[in-house]
Structures are given as structure tokens and as C-alpha cells.
Amino acid sequence: MKSIGFILIIAGILMMVFRGFSVTTEKEVADIGPLEINKKENKWIGWPTYAGGALVVVGIVMVVTGKRKTA
């Protein structure tokens, strides 16, 4: 439980620092016999900052309330 909490905290911090990423896709515009015309498009994939903050909060709750081993 604690390890999942730490992973969520790290993922949340990374989501707040890096707000998304760009992906380049290649799209075929025309194919006329031996002639082929392609178009490259940049698409932005992003997420809101509060999503990263929510992950950090959930991760902290999981770490704090994680079951402790009694030996």
C-alpha cells in the first residue's frame, strides 16, 4: 500500500512539472500513382495541473494510512 502511495506521489509531482507532451503524427493527404503526399501534424496531449495535485494528495493519504507491520 505504501509503495503504491509513493508511486502516486512521484507521478503527481511529474504531472505538475510536465503539463503534457507533444506527439507528431504523419497523415497521408494524397496518393496519386507513384506520387504520395504526406502531412505531419503536431498534437498536444495534456492534463490539468489539479490532476497531479490530486494524485499527490491521494498518495500521501495512502502512505500515512498504510498498514504497518508488527513484528
C-alpha atoms as a PDB file:
ATOM      1  CA  MET A   1       0.000   0.000   0.000  1.00  0.00           C
ATOM      2  CA  LYS A   2       2.821   2.381   0.864  1.00  0.00           C
ATOM      3  CA  SER A   3       4.715   1.616  -2.335  1.00  0.00           C
ATOM      4  CA  ILE A   4       1.651   2.479  -4.433  1.00  0.00           C
ATOM      5  CA  GLY A   5       1.360   5.706  -2.427  1.00  0.00           C
ATOM      6  CA  PHE A   6       4.970   6.640  -3.193  1.00  0.00           C
ATOM      7  CA  ILE A   7       4.414   5.889  -6.890  1.00  0.00           C
ATOM      8  CA  LEU A   8       1.323   8.133  -6.918  1.00  0.00           C
ATOM      9  CA  ILE A   9       3.244  10.944  -5.209  1.00  0.00           C
ATOM     10  CA  ILE A  10       6.058  10.771  -7.777  1.00  0.00           C
ATOM     11  CA  ALA A  11       3.591  10.565 -10.687  1.00  0.00           C
ATOM     12  CA  GLY A  12       1.638  13.529  -9.334  1.00  0.00           C
ATOM     13  CA  ILE A  13       4.753  15.670  -8.986  1.00  0.00           C
ATOM     14  CA  LEU A  14       5.810  14.780 -12.525  1.00  0.00           C
ATOM     15  CA  MET A  15       2.322  15.641 -13.812  1.00  0.00           C
ATOM     16  CA  MET A  16       2.537  19.068 -12.170  1.00  0.00           C
ATOM     17  CA  VAL A  17       6.014  19.754 -13.587  1.00  0.00           C
ATOM     18  CA  PHE A  18       5.369  18.397 -17.083  1.00  0.00           C
ATOM     19  CA  ARG A  19       1.902  19.527 -18.102  1.00  0.00           C
ATOM     20  CA  GLY A  20       1.781  17.325 -21.197  1.00  0.00           C
ATOM     21  CA  PHE A  21       3.710  16.256 -24.233  1.00  0.00           C
ATOM     22  CA  SER A  22       3.649  16.700 -27.993  1.00  0.00           C
ATOM     23  CA  VAL A  23       3.191  13.863 -30.472  1.00  0.00           C
ATOM     24  CA  THR A  24       3.966  14.115 -34.182  1.00  0.00           C
ATOM     25  CA  THR A  25       1.669  12.147 -36.466  1.00  0.00           C
ATOM     26  CA  GLU A  26       2.024  11.642 -40.191  1.00  0.00           C
ATOM     27  CA  LYS A  27      -1.139  11.739 -42.273  1.00  0.00           C
ATOM     28  CA  GLU A  28      -1.453  10.722 -45.920  1.00  0.00           C
ATOM     29  CA  VAL A  29      -3.030  13.580 -47.877  1.00  0.00           C
ATOM     30  CA  ALA A  30      -2.934  12.199 -51.447  1.00  0.00           C
ATOM     31  CA  ASP A  31      -1.767   9.029 -53.168  1.00  0.00           C
ATOM     32  CA  ILE A  32      -1.681   9.511 -56.930  1.00  0.00           C
ATOM     33  CA  GLY A  33       0.089   6.565 -58.518  1.00  0.00           C
ATOM     34  CA  PRO A  34       3.791   6.744 -57.672  1.00  0.00           C
ATOM     35  CA  LEU A  35       3.319  10.203 -56.086  1.00  0.00           C
ATOM     36  CA  GLU A  36       2.482  10.276 -52.384  1.00  0.00           C
ATOM     37  CA  ILE A  37       1.900  13.423 -50.328  1.00  0.00           C
ATOM     38  CA  ASN A  38       2.119  13.249 -46.546  1.00  0.00           C
ATOM     39  CA  LYS A  39       1.428  15.858 -43.898  1.00  0.00           C
ATOM     40  CA  LYS A  40       2.992  15.954 -40.419  1.00  0.00           C
ATOM     41  CA  GLU A  41       0.838  17.242 -37.594  1.00  0.00           C
ATOM     42  CA  ASN A  42       1.843  18.055 -34.034  1.00  0.00           C
ATOM     43  CA  LYS A  43      -0.755  17.157 -31.413  1.00  0.00           C
ATOM     44  CA  TRP A  44      -0.574  18.238 -27.794  1.00  0.00           C
ATOM     45  CA  ILE A  45      -1.642  15.740 -25.148  1.00  0.00           C
ATOM     46  CA  GLY A  46      -2.055  17.488 -21.830  1.00  0.00           C
ATOM     47  CA  TRP A  47      -3.713  17.189 -18.467  1.00  0.00           C
ATOM     48  CA  PRO A  48      -4.820  19.734 -15.902  1.00  0.00           C
ATOM     49  CA  THR A  49      -2.465  20.693 -13.081  1.00  0.00           C
ATOM     50  CA  TYR A  50      -5.015  19.810 -10.419  1.00  0.00           C
ATOM     51  CA  ALA A  51      -4.944  16.169 -11.565  1.00  0.00           C
ATOM     52  CA  GLY A  52      -1.297  15.956 -10.489  1.00  0.00           C
ATOM     53  CA  GLY A  53      -2.137  17.630  -7.199  1.00  0.00           C
ATOM     54  CA  ALA A  54      -4.938  15.141  -6.592  1.00  0.00           C
ATOM     55  CA  LEU A  55      -2.534  12.243  -7.190  1.00  0.00           C
ATOM     56  CA  VAL A  56      -0.078  13.701  -4.683  1.00  0.00           C
ATOM     57  CA  VAL A  57      -2.819  14.069  -2.053  1.00  0.00           C
ATOM     58  CA  VAL A  58      -4.093  10.512  -2.612  1.00  0.00           C
ATOM     59  CA  GLY A  59      -0.524   9.191  -2.461  1.00  0.00           C
ATOM     60  CA  ILE A  60       0.154  10.977   0.821  1.00  0.00           C
ATOM     61  CA  VAL A  61      -3.065   9.607   2.306  1.00  0.00           C
ATOM     62  CA  MET A  62      -2.096   6.089   1.219  1.00  0.00           C
ATOM     63  CA  VAL A  63       1.387   6.396   2.734  1.00  0.00           C
ATOM     64  CA  VAL A  64       0.122   7.829   6.026  1.00  0.00           C
ATOM     65  CA  THR A  65      -2.737   5.354   6.459  1.00  0.00           C
ATOM     66  CA  GLY A  66      -0.795   2.347   5.138  1.00  0.00           C
ATOM     67  CA  LYS A  67      -0.862  -0.741   7.295  1.00  0.00           C
ATOM     68  CA  ARG A  68       2.213  -1.087   9.465  1.00  0.00           C
ATOM     69  CA  LYS A  69       3.803  -4.459  10.029  1.00  0.00           C
ATOM     70  CA  THR A  70       4.011  -5.533  13.631  1.00  0.00           C
ATOM     71  CA  ALA A  71       6.932  -7.777  14.405  1.00  0.00           C
END
